[in-house]
Amino acid sequence: MTGAVRRKADRPRHDRGGGASTVQMTTPDTGARALLNGFTHIPPGGGIPLHHHNVEESVLILSGAALVEIDGTMTEGGAGDVVWVQAGVPHRFSNASDSAPLEIFWTYAGAHATRTLADTGETRPIVSPGGAG
């Protein structure tokens, strides 16, 4: 495959825990060999656990108010802000609002990216054989 158009509404939504959910967009099944990307929805007051990846990550905050923790430093972020995280650096995103959702668009610099949870050390592929993120 040399290219693909995917629609968010046509893709499955995967539970990320804490109320967060992800829709994977560009994955190896589209032919991607050097990146992954998709959307994550974080409900009011929700967040993603502290974790790190085996590749660099870039995140565009689409809407909402974010609390971004990178290597122990907290920063506020909002729509239009872009976050970059080096491979191996612990980070997380939390929704700073008690009423509005947080939407982010993420890109990993590798089609075989993994996520390692800080509290358990458990490592899983971002895209598993079953397609769950």
C-alpha atoms as a PDB file:
ATOM      1  CA  MET A   1       0.000   0.000   0.000  1.00  0.00           C
ATOM      2  CA  THR A   2       1.344   3.434  -0.886  1.00  0.00           C
ATOM      3  CA  GLY A   3      -1.103   5.554   1.092  1.00  0.00           C
ATOM      4  CA  ALA A   4      -4.414   5.491   2.931  1.00  0.00           C
ATOM      5  CA  VAL A   5      -7.236   7.715   4.082  1.00  0.00           C
ATOM      6  CA  ARG A   6      -8.735   6.659   7.389  1.00  0.00           C
ATOM      7  CA  ARG A   7     -11.720   8.188   9.101  1.00  0.00           C
ATOM      8  CA  LYS A   8     -11.785   8.390  12.866  1.00  0.00           C
ATOM      9  CA  ALA A   9     -15.481   7.418  12.936  1.00  0.00           C
ATOM     10  CA  ASP A  10     -14.689   4.171  11.105  1.00  0.00           C
ATOM     11  CA  ARG A  11     -11.919   3.030  13.447  1.00  0.00           C
ATOM     12  CA  PRO A  12     -12.373   1.062  16.683  1.00  0.00           C
ATOM     13  CA  ARG A  13     -12.015   2.825  20.035  1.00  0.00           C
ATOM     14  CA  HIS A  14      -9.787   1.127  22.642  1.00  0.00           C
ATOM     15  CA  ASP A  15      -9.992   1.589  26.422  1.00  0.00           C
ATOM     16  CA  ARG A  16      -6.812   3.055  27.948  1.00  0.00           C
ATOM     17  CA  GLY A  17      -7.999   2.917  31.567  1.00  0.00           C
ATOM     18  CA  GLY A  18      -9.117   5.801  33.778  1.00  0.00           C
ATOM     19  CA  GLY A  19     -11.860   6.609  31.282  1.00  0.00           C
ATOM     20  CA  ALA A  20      -9.376   7.437  28.515  1.00  0.00           C
ATOM     21  CA  SER A  21      -9.821   5.875  25.082  1.00  0.00           C
ATOM     22  CA  THR A  22      -7.740   5.747  21.925  1.00  0.00           C
ATOM     23  CA  VAL A  23      -8.456   5.508  18.214  1.00  0.00           C
ATOM     24  CA  GLN A  24      -5.433   4.301  16.247  1.00  0.00           C
ATOM     25  CA  MET A  25      -5.175   5.824  12.780  1.00  0.00           C
ATOM     26  CA  THR A  26      -1.874   5.149  11.016  1.00  0.00           C
ATOM     27  CA  THR A  27      -0.639   1.663  11.910  1.00  0.00           C
ATOM     28  CA  PRO A  28       1.308  -1.131  10.176  1.00  0.00           C
ATOM     29  CA  ASP A  29      -1.921  -2.443   8.637  1.00  0.00           C
ATOM     30  CA  THR A  30      -2.027   0.781   6.572  1.00  0.00           C
ATOM     31  CA  GLY A  31       1.526   0.088   5.428  1.00  0.00           C
ATOM     32  CA  ALA A  32       3.237   2.386   7.957  1.00  0.00           C
ATOM     33  CA  ARG A  33       6.829   1.339   8.626  1.00  0.00           C
ATOM     34  CA  ALA A  34       8.264   4.307  10.506  1.00  0.00           C
ATOM     35  CA  LEU A  35       5.458   5.851  12.578  1.00  0.00           C
ATOM     36  CA  LEU A  36       2.158   5.363  14.369  1.00  0.00           C
ATOM     37  CA  ASN A  37      -0.494   7.954  15.154  1.00  0.00           C
ATOM     38  CA  GLY A  38      -3.977   8.359  16.517  1.00  0.00           C
ATOM     39  CA  PHE A  39      -6.330  10.179  18.861  1.00  0.00           C
ATOM     40  CA  THR A  40      -6.821   9.883  22.618  1.00  0.00           C
ATOM     41  CA  HIS A  41      -9.872  11.189  24.483  1.00  0.00           C
ATOM     42  CA  ILE A  42      -9.418  11.909  28.204  1.00  0.00           C
ATOM     43  CA  PRO A  43     -12.604  12.715  30.138  1.00  0.00           C
ATOM     44  CA  PRO A  44     -12.865  15.544  32.695  1.00  0.00           C
ATOM     45  CA  GLY A  45     -10.624  14.790  35.669  1.00  0.00           C
ATOM     46  CA  GLY A  46      -9.151  11.725  33.908  1.00  0.00           C
ATOM     47  CA  GLY A  47      -5.627  10.910  32.945  1.00  0.00           C
ATOM     48  CA  ILE A  48      -3.194   8.401  31.524  1.00  0.00           C
ATOM     49  CA  PRO A  49      -0.770   6.645  33.879  1.00  0.00           C
ATOM     50  CA  LEU A  50       2.900   7.608  33.989  1.00  0.00           C
ATOM     51  CA  HIS A  51       4.729   5.682  31.253  1.00  0.00           C
ATOM     52  CA  HIS A  52       7.525   5.835  28.685  1.00  0.00           C
ATOM     53  CA  HIS A  53       8.132   4.599  25.149  1.00  0.00           C
ATOM     54  CA  ASN A  54      10.974   3.010  23.200  1.00  0.00           C
ATOM     55  CA  VAL A  55      10.715   5.777  20.561  1.00  0.00           C
ATOM     56  CA  GLU A  56      10.170   9.541  20.482  1.00  0.00           C
ATOM     57  CA  GLU A  57       6.609  10.840  20.734  1.00  0.00           C
ATOM     58  CA  SER A  58       4.971  14.060  19.599  1.00  0.00           C
ATOM     59  CA  VAL A  59       1.516  15.058  20.853  1.00  0.00           C
ATOM     60  CA  LEU A  60      -0.733  17.817  19.517  1.00  0.00           C
ATOM     61  CA  ILE A  61      -3.341  19.024  21.998  1.00  0.00           C
ATOM     62  CA  LEU A  62      -6.491  19.372  19.902  1.00  0.00           C
ATOM     63  CA  SER A  63      -8.884  20.650  22.567  1.00  0.00           C
ATOM     64  CA  GLY A  64      -9.230  21.009  26.301  1.00  0.00           C
ATOM     65  CA  ALA A  65      -6.890  21.831  29.152  1.00  0.00           C
ATOM     66  CA  ALA A  66      -3.980  19.473  29.786  1.00  0.00           C
ATOM     67  CA  LEU A  67      -1.599  18.887  32.628  1.00  0.00           C
ATOM     68  CA  VAL A  68       1.512  17.407  31.053  1.00  0.00           C
ATOM     69  CA  GLU A  69       4.113  15.704  33.232  1.00  0.00           C
ATOM     70  CA  ILE A  70       7.489  15.063  31.602  1.00  0.00           C
ATOM     71  CA  ASP A  71      10.251  13.564  33.740  1.00  0.00           C
ATOM     72  CA  GLY A  72       8.687  14.957  36.926  1.00  0.00           C
ATOM     73  CA  THR A  73       8.006  18.481  35.601  1.00  0.00           C
ATOM     74  CA  MET A  74       4.362  19.578  35.276  1.00  0.00           C
ATOM     75  CA  THR A  75       3.308  22.007  32.543  1.00  0.00           C
ATOM     76  CA  GLU A  76      -0.126  23.268  31.522  1.00  0.00           C
ATOM     77  CA  GLY A  77      -1.085  22.938  27.887  1.00  0.00           C
ATOM     78  CA  GLY A  78      -3.982  23.830  25.640  1.00  0.00           C
ATOM     79  CA  ALA A  79      -5.308  23.579  22.107  1.00  0.00           C
ATOM     80  CA  GLY A  80      -2.591  24.052  19.514  1.00  0.00           C
ATOM     81  CA  ASP A  81       0.291  23.221  21.859  1.00  0.00           C
ATOM     82  CA  VAL A  82       2.664  20.461  20.764  1.00  0.00           C
ATOM     83  CA  VAL A  83       4.500  18.244  23.239  1.00  0.00           C
ATOM     84  CA  TRP A  84       7.660  16.306  22.343  1.00  0.00           C
ATOM     85  CA  VAL A  85       9.005  13.520  24.541  1.00  0.00           C
ATOM     86  CA  GLN A  86      12.309  11.745  24.069  1.00  0.00           C
ATOM     87  CA  ALA A  87      12.355   7.924  24.088  1.00  0.00           C
ATOM     88  CA  GLY A  88      12.648   6.457  27.591  1.00  0.00           C
ATOM     89  CA  VAL A  89      11.424   9.588  29.422  1.00  0.00           C
ATOM     90  CA  PRO A  90       8.483   9.095  31.829  1.00  0.00           C
ATOM     91  CA  HIS A  91       5.456  11.232  31.016  1.00  0.00           C
ATOM     92  CA  ARG A  92       1.678  11.456  31.241  1.00  0.00           C
ATOM     93  CA  PHE A  93      -1.283  13.573  30.221  1.00  0.00           C
ATOM     94  CA  SER A  94      -4.136  14.505  32.543  1.00  0.00           C
ATOM     95  CA  ASN A  95      -7.288  16.494  31.910  1.00  0.00           C
ATOM     96  CA  ALA A  96      -7.147  19.673  33.996  1.00  0.00           C
ATOM     97  CA  SER A  97     -10.861  20.397  33.492  1.00  0.00           C
ATOM     98  CA  ASP A  98     -13.744  19.118  35.597  1.00  0.00           C
ATOM     99  CA  SER A  99     -16.230  19.719  32.765  1.00  0.00           C
ATOM    100  CA  ALA A 100     -14.640  19.497  29.284  1.00  0.00           C
ATOM    101  CA  PRO A 101     -12.866  16.562  27.603  1.00  0.00           C
ATOM    102  CA  LEU A 102      -9.219  16.649  26.551  1.00  0.00           C
ATOM    103  CA  GLU A 103      -8.429  15.472  23.008  1.00  0.00           C
ATOM    104  CA  ILE A 104      -4.889  14.789  21.824  1.00  0.00           C
ATOM    105  CA  PHE A 105      -3.352  13.525  18.589  1.00  0.00           C
ATOM    106  CA  TRP A 106      -0.174  11.509  19.089  1.00  0.00           C
ATOM    107  CA  THR A 107       2.584  10.321  16.768  1.00  0.00           C
ATOM    108  CA  TYR A 108       5.278   7.778  17.615  1.00  0.00           C
ATOM    109  CA  ALA A 109       8.541   7.719  15.663  1.00  0.00           C
ATOM    110  CA  GLY A 110       8.334   3.985  15.013  1.00  0.00           C
ATOM    111  CA  ALA A 111       5.745   1.496  13.797  1.00  0.00           C
ATOM    112  CA  HIS A 112       6.727  -0.912  16.572  1.00  0.00           C
ATOM    113  CA  ALA A 113       6.491   1.524  19.483  1.00  0.00           C
ATOM    114  CA  THR A 114       5.943   0.182  22.989  1.00  0.00           C
ATOM    115  CA  ARG A 115       4.509   1.633  26.194  1.00  0.00           C
ATOM    116  CA  THR A 116       6.048   0.765  29.575  1.00  0.00           C
ATOM    117  CA  LEU A 117       4.019   1.620  32.684  1.00  0.00           C
ATOM    118  CA  ALA A 118       6.118   3.277  35.391  1.00  0.00           C
ATOM    119  CA  ASP A 119       4.305   1.693  38.332  1.00  0.00           C
ATOM    120  CA  THR A 120       4.487  -1.943  37.128  1.00  0.00           C
ATOM    121  CA  GLY A 121       7.237  -2.016  34.501  1.00  0.00           C
ATOM    122  CA  GLU A 122       4.827  -3.812  32.172  1.00  0.00           C
ATOM    123  CA  THR A 123       5.677  -3.235  28.502  1.00  0.00           C
ATOM    124  CA  ARG A 124       3.164  -3.670  25.688  1.00  0.00           C
ATOM    125  CA  PRO A 125       3.183  -2.773  22.020  1.00  0.00           C
ATOM    126  CA  ILE A 126       1.167   0.327  21.135  1.00  0.00           C
ATOM    127  CA  VAL A 127      -0.465  -1.744  18.387  1.00  0.00           C
ATOM    128  CA  SER A 128      -1.024  -5.303  19.554  1.00  0.00           C
ATOM    129  CA  PRO A 129      -1.821  -8.231  17.256  1.00  0.00           C
ATOM    130  CA  GLY A 130      -5.483  -7.854  18.250  1.00  0.00           C
ATOM    131  CA  GLY A 131      -5.419  -4.154  17.365  1.00  0.00           C
ATOM    132  CA  ALA A 132      -5.888  -2.804  20.917  1.00  0.00           C
ATOM    133  CA  GLY A 133      -3.747   0.168  21.874  1.00  0.00           C
END
